Amino acid sequence: MEGYYDSISEGYEELYREEQEKKMKIILSEVKVSPDETLLDVGCGTGITIVPWKCIRTGLDPARKLLEKAHDKENVKYVLGRAQDIPFDDDSFDIVTSITAIQNFEVLKKGLSEIKRVGKKRFVLSFLKRSEKKEMIEKFINDMFRVIKIIEEDKDLIFICEKQNI
């Protein structure tokens, strides 16, 4: 899938900025962070969904050309990588997000397991409502995380979750 995103990197923000910023406004009204907390955004693209957070931020994306266009590089660490093989230790981040990227994971269950592994407690996970993988994604999220709230946005379902104590 990253080949596709590399191929549209020139027009990526024109295509997605407005809808991603709208989702972030909703998410930021629901989820508060402190400046000393650490956040990983899986599938961060050019950084639209990571820049608004006011904390210590890391973005992960498999599309090299999107990362080359990423924003706020002085304050955000960007890493080339895939969801199913996140290059960080267990419990590395206070909060892990993945905004409208889950339906693109090459190995869905493994990607969500990796998100859970590197997160300490809080998660924000969204995916396209029209995805053919919708039911599978919902099942995996409900099985792996404690869902606090589900927000139905225009194009996405947004899950606010915590780590299960299992």
C-alpha atoms as a PDB file:
ATOM      1  CA  MET A   1       0.000   0.000   0.000  1.00  0.00           C
ATOM      2  CA  GLU A   2       2.926   2.370   0.635  1.00  0.00           C
ATOM      3  CA  GLY A   3       3.694   2.289  -3.095  1.00  0.00           C
ATOM      4  CA  TYR A   4       0.281   3.840  -3.674  1.00  0.00           C
ATOM      5  CA  TYR A   5       0.891   6.576  -1.093  1.00  0.00           C
ATOM      6  CA  ASP A   6       4.359   7.273  -2.479  1.00  0.00           C
ATOM      7  CA  SER A   7       2.756   7.655  -5.919  1.00  0.00           C
ATOM      8  CA  ILE A   8       0.229  10.245  -4.668  1.00  0.00           C
ATOM      9  CA  SER A   9       2.614  12.056  -2.317  1.00  0.00           C
ATOM     10  CA  GLU A  10       2.594  15.265  -4.377  1.00  0.00           C
ATOM     11  CA  GLY A  11      -1.174  15.699  -3.999  1.00  0.00           C
ATOM     12  CA  TYR A  12      -1.670  13.854  -0.698  1.00  0.00           C
ATOM     13  CA  GLU A  13      -2.416  16.908   1.414  1.00  0.00           C
ATOM     14  CA  GLU A  14      -4.738  18.402  -1.162  1.00  0.00           C
ATOM     15  CA  LEU A  15      -6.699  15.138  -1.093  1.00  0.00           C
ATOM     16  CA  TYR A  16      -6.738  14.470   2.658  1.00  0.00           C
ATOM     17  CA  ARG A  17      -5.802  17.537   4.756  1.00  0.00           C
ATOM     18  CA  GLU A  18      -9.293  18.948   5.314  1.00  0.00           C
ATOM     19  CA  GLU A  19     -10.914  15.655   6.330  1.00  0.00           C
ATOM     20  CA  GLN A  20      -7.970  14.679   8.567  1.00  0.00           C
ATOM     21  CA  GLU A  21      -7.989  18.064  10.307  1.00  0.00           C
ATOM     22  CA  LYS A  22     -11.732  17.659  10.924  1.00  0.00           C
ATOM     23  CA  LYS A  23     -11.134  14.245  12.548  1.00  0.00           C
ATOM     24  CA  MET A  24      -8.322  15.660  14.655  1.00  0.00           C
ATOM     25  CA  LYS A  25     -10.559  18.436  15.978  1.00  0.00           C
ATOM     26  CA  ILE A  26     -13.031  15.772  17.182  1.00  0.00           C
ATOM     27  CA  ILE A  27     -10.275  13.584  18.657  1.00  0.00           C
ATOM     28  CA  LEU A  28      -8.519  16.444  20.446  1.00  0.00           C
ATOM     29  CA  SER A  29     -11.836  17.452  22.059  1.00  0.00           C
ATOM     30  CA  GLU A  30     -12.092  13.907  23.498  1.00  0.00           C
ATOM     31  CA  VAL A  31      -8.486  13.021  24.373  1.00  0.00           C
ATOM     32  CA  LYS A  32      -6.233  15.232  26.473  1.00  0.00           C
ATOM     33  CA  VAL A  33      -2.466  14.861  26.751  1.00  0.00           C
ATOM     34  CA  SER A  34       0.138  16.544  28.899  1.00  0.00           C
ATOM     35  CA  PRO A  35       3.333  18.004  27.398  1.00  0.00           C
ATOM     36  CA  ASP A  36       5.533  15.296  28.951  1.00  0.00           C
ATOM     37  CA  GLU A  37       3.508  12.377  27.535  1.00  0.00           C
ATOM     38  CA  THR A  38       4.800  10.403  24.556  1.00  0.00           C
ATOM     39  CA  LEU A  39       2.669   9.690  21.493  1.00  0.00           C
ATOM     40  CA  LEU A  40       3.169   7.418  18.498  1.00  0.00           C
ATOM     41  CA  ASP A  41       1.040   7.961  15.379  1.00  0.00           C
ATOM     42  CA  VAL A  42       1.011   4.794  13.229  1.00  0.00           C
ATOM     43  CA  GLY A  43       0.379   5.666   9.595  1.00  0.00           C
ATOM     44  CA  CYS A  44       1.196   9.341  10.159  1.00  0.00           C
ATOM     45  CA  GLY A  45       1.606  10.234   6.479  1.00  0.00           C
ATOM     46  CA  THR A  46       2.801  13.837   6.215  1.00  0.00           C
ATOM     47  CA  GLY A  47       2.048  14.525   9.865  1.00  0.00           C
ATOM     48  CA  ILE A  48      -1.422  16.078   9.601  1.00  0.00           C
ATOM     49  CA  THR A  49      -2.645  13.812  12.411  1.00  0.00           C
ATOM     50  CA  ILE A  50       0.395  14.185  14.675  1.00  0.00           C
ATOM     51  CA  VAL A  51       1.343  17.871  14.547  1.00  0.00           C
ATOM     52  CA  PRO A  52      -1.732  19.104  16.528  1.00  0.00           C
ATOM     53  CA  TRP A  53      -0.865  17.057  19.626  1.00  0.00           C
ATOM     54  CA  LYS A  54       0.928  19.025  22.361  1.00  0.00           C
ATOM     55  CA  CYS A  55       3.289  16.358  23.675  1.00  0.00           C
ATOM     56  CA  ILE A  56       6.417  14.381  22.698  1.00  0.00           C
ATOM     57  CA  ARG A  57       5.537  12.991  19.250  1.00  0.00           C
ATOM     58  CA  THR A  58       6.786  10.222  16.963  1.00  0.00           C
ATOM     59  CA  GLY A  59       5.253   9.367  13.605  1.00  0.00           C
ATOM     60  CA  LEU A  60       5.590   6.021  11.816  1.00  0.00           C
ATOM     61  CA  ASP A  61       4.720   5.451   8.162  1.00  0.00           C
ATOM     62  CA  PRO A  62       5.812   3.003   5.447  1.00  0.00           C
ATOM     63  CA  ALA A  63       5.643   5.607   2.636  1.00  0.00           C
ATOM     64  CA  ARG A  64       9.045   7.267   2.344  1.00  0.00           C
ATOM     65  CA  LYS A  65       7.788  10.071   0.064  1.00  0.00           C
ATOM     66  CA  LEU A  66       5.057  11.047   2.525  1.00  0.00           C
ATOM     67  CA  LEU A  67       7.609  11.225   5.332  1.00  0.00           C
ATOM     68  CA  GLU A  68       9.823  13.426   3.149  1.00  0.00           C
ATOM     69  CA  LYS A  69       6.922  15.918   3.052  1.00  0.00           C
ATOM     70  CA  ALA A  70       6.226  15.635   6.793  1.00  0.00           C
ATOM     71  CA  HIS A  71       5.594  18.738   8.888  1.00  0.00           C
ATOM     72  CA  ASP A  72       7.322  20.112  11.996  1.00  0.00           C
ATOM     73  CA  LYS A  73      10.422  17.941  11.689  1.00  0.00           C
ATOM     74  CA  GLU A  74      12.200  19.885  14.430  1.00  0.00           C
ATOM     75  CA  ASN A  75       9.640  18.764  17.012  1.00  0.00           C
ATOM     76  CA  VAL A  76       8.328  15.473  15.612  1.00  0.00           C
ATOM     77  CA  LYS A  77      10.474  12.399  15.117  1.00  0.00           C
ATOM     78  CA  TYR A  78       9.461  10.582  11.920  1.00  0.00           C
ATOM     79  CA  VAL A  79      10.333   6.916  11.392  1.00  0.00           C
ATOM     80  CA  LEU A  80      10.005   4.784   8.265  1.00  0.00           C
ATOM     81  CA  GLY A  81       8.267   1.535   9.193  1.00  0.00           C
ATOM     82  CA  ARG A  82       5.221  -0.712   9.007  1.00  0.00           C
ATOM     83  CA  ALA A  83       2.474  -1.264  11.576  1.00  0.00           C
ATOM     84  CA  GLN A  84       3.066  -5.011  11.713  1.00  0.00           C
ATOM     85  CA  ASP A  85       6.695  -4.479  12.776  1.00  0.00           C
ATOM     86  CA  ILE A  86       6.849  -1.342  14.939  1.00  0.00           C
ATOM     87  CA  PRO A  87      10.523  -0.685  15.802  1.00  0.00           C
ATOM     88  CA  PHE A  88      10.010   0.285  19.458  1.00  0.00           C
ATOM     89  CA  ASP A  89      10.114  -1.555  22.793  1.00  0.00           C
ATOM     90  CA  ASP A  90       7.044  -2.725  24.689  1.00  0.00           C
ATOM     91  CA  ASP A  91       5.179   0.043  26.541  1.00  0.00           C
ATOM     92  CA  SER A  92       7.205   2.800  24.845  1.00  0.00           C
ATOM     93  CA  PHE A  93       4.381   5.345  24.396  1.00  0.00           C
ATOM     94  CA  ASP A  94       1.741   6.825  26.697  1.00  0.00           C
ATOM     95  CA  ILE A  95      -0.699   7.063  23.802  1.00  0.00           C
ATOM     96  CA  VAL A  96      -0.749   5.404  20.383  1.00  0.00           C
ATOM     97  CA  THR A  97      -2.916   6.682  17.544  1.00  0.00           C
ATOM     98  CA  SER A  98      -3.691   5.426  14.075  1.00  0.00           C
ATOM     99  CA  ILE A  99      -6.009   7.722  12.156  1.00  0.00           C
ATOM    100  CA  THR A 100      -7.615   6.359   8.979  1.00  0.00           C
ATOM    101  CA  ALA A 101      -4.755   3.937   8.401  1.00  0.00           C
ATOM    102  CA  ILE A 102      -5.804   0.610   9.924  1.00  0.00           C
ATOM    103  CA  GLN A 103      -7.706  -0.541   6.819  1.00  0.00           C
ATOM    104  CA  ASN A 104      -4.385  -0.253   4.935  1.00  0.00           C
ATOM    105  CA  PHE A 105      -2.352  -2.478   7.257  1.00  0.00           C
ATOM    106  CA  GLU A 106      -0.807  -5.385   5.351  1.00  0.00           C
ATOM    107  CA  VAL A 107      -1.395  -7.753   8.281  1.00  0.00           C
ATOM    108  CA  LEU A 108      -4.337  -6.343  10.200  1.00  0.00           C
ATOM    109  CA  LYS A 109      -4.248  -8.360  13.433  1.00  0.00           C
ATOM    110  CA  LYS A 110      -0.452  -8.117  13.701  1.00  0.00           C
ATOM    111  CA  GLY A 111      -0.560  -4.333  13.183  1.00  0.00           C
ATOM    112  CA  LEU A 112      -3.121  -3.871  15.945  1.00  0.00           C
ATOM    113  CA  SER A 113      -1.162  -6.247  18.212  1.00  0.00           C
ATOM    114  CA  GLU A 114       1.963  -4.149  17.643  1.00  0.00           C
ATOM    115  CA  ILE A 115       0.051  -0.955  18.455  1.00  0.00           C
ATOM    116  CA  LYS A 116      -1.107  -2.550  21.705  1.00  0.00           C
ATOM    117  CA  ARG A 117       2.404  -3.828  22.485  1.00  0.00           C
ATOM    118  CA  VAL A 118       4.115  -0.428  22.210  1.00  0.00           C
ATOM    119  CA  GLY A 119       1.335   1.493  23.976  1.00  0.00           C
ATOM    120  CA  LYS A 120       1.208   1.867  27.749  1.00  0.00           C
ATOM    121  CA  LYS A 121      -2.463   2.623  28.215  1.00  0.00           C
ATOM    122  CA  ARG A 122      -4.371   4.914  25.794  1.00  0.00           C
ATOM    123  CA  PHE A 123      -5.194   4.446  22.114  1.00  0.00           C
ATOM    124  CA  VAL A 124      -7.095   6.321  19.404  1.00  0.00           C
ATOM    125  CA  LEU A 125      -7.876   4.096  16.435  1.00  0.00           C
ATOM    126  CA  SER A 126      -9.896   5.086  13.391  1.00  0.00           C
ATOM    127  CA  PHE A 127     -10.661   3.513  10.052  1.00  0.00           C
ATOM    128  CA  LEU A 128     -12.898   4.089   7.059  1.00  0.00           C
ATOM    129  CA  LYS A 129     -16.505   3.052   7.736  1.00  0.00           C
ATOM    130  CA  ARG A 130     -16.817   1.855   4.137  1.00  0.00           C
ATOM    131  CA  SER A 131     -13.800  -0.447   4.352  1.00  0.00           C
ATOM    132  CA  GLU A 132     -14.504  -4.015   3.304  1.00  0.00           C
ATOM    133  CA  LYS A 133     -12.483  -4.959   6.430  1.00  0.00           C
ATOM    134  CA  LYS A 134     -14.814  -2.997   8.774  1.00  0.00           C
ATOM    135  CA  GLU A 135     -16.275  -5.982  10.652  1.00  0.00           C
ATOM    136  CA  MET A 136     -12.872  -7.626  11.072  1.00  0.00           C
ATOM    137  CA  ILE A 137     -11.279  -4.387  12.305  1.00  0.00           C
ATOM    138  CA  GLU A 138     -14.083  -3.810  14.815  1.00  0.00           C
ATOM    139  CA  LYS A 139     -13.764  -7.377  16.085  1.00  0.00           C
ATOM    140  CA  PHE A 140      -9.982  -7.103  16.552  1.00  0.00           C
ATOM    141  CA  ILE A 141     -10.266  -3.718  18.311  1.00  0.00           C
ATOM    142  CA  ASN A 142     -12.993  -5.009  20.632  1.00  0.00           C
ATOM    143  CA  ASP A 143     -11.010  -8.191  21.367  1.00  0.00           C
ATOM    144  CA  MET A 144      -7.655  -6.477  21.979  1.00  0.00           C
ATOM    145  CA  PHE A 145      -8.598  -3.211  23.696  1.00  0.00           C
ATOM    146  CA  ARG A 146     -11.052  -1.874  26.257  1.00  0.00           C
ATOM    147  CA  VAL A 147     -13.210   0.448  24.168  1.00  0.00           C
ATOM    148  CA  ILE A 148     -14.144   3.609  26.089  1.00  0.00           C
ATOM    149  CA  LYS A 149     -16.022   5.424  23.319  1.00  0.00           C
ATOM    150  CA  ILE A 150     -16.858   5.056  19.635  1.00  0.00           C
ATOM    151  CA  ILE A 151     -17.385   8.204  17.595  1.00  0.00           C
ATOM    152  CA  GLU A 152     -19.016   7.987  14.194  1.00  0.00           C
ATOM    153  CA  GLU A 153     -17.510  10.677  12.008  1.00  0.00           C
ATOM    154  CA  ASP A 154     -18.424  11.388   8.355  1.00  0.00           C
ATOM    155  CA  LYS A 155     -16.025   8.832   6.884  1.00  0.00           C
ATOM    156  CA  ASP A 156     -14.475   7.108   9.899  1.00  0.00           C
ATOM    157  CA  LEU A 157     -15.290   5.207  13.037  1.00  0.00           C
ATOM    158  CA  ILE A 158     -13.066   6.516  15.831  1.00  0.00           C
ATOM    159  CA  PHE A 159     -12.359   4.222  18.796  1.00  0.00           C
ATOM    160  CA  ILE A 160     -11.060   5.730  22.031  1.00  0.00           C
ATOM    161  CA  CYS A 161      -9.528   2.780  23.909  1.00  0.00           C
ATOM    162  CA  GLU A 162      -7.401   1.666  26.824  1.00  0.00           C
ATOM    163  CA  LYS A 163      -5.166  -1.342  27.236  1.00  0.00           C
ATOM    164  CA  GLN A 164      -6.912  -4.334  28.721  1.00  0.00           C
ATOM    165  CA  ASN A 165      -5.405  -5.630  31.926  1.00  0.00           C
ATOM    166  CA  ILE A 166      -4.984  -9.194  30.684  1.00  0.00           C
END
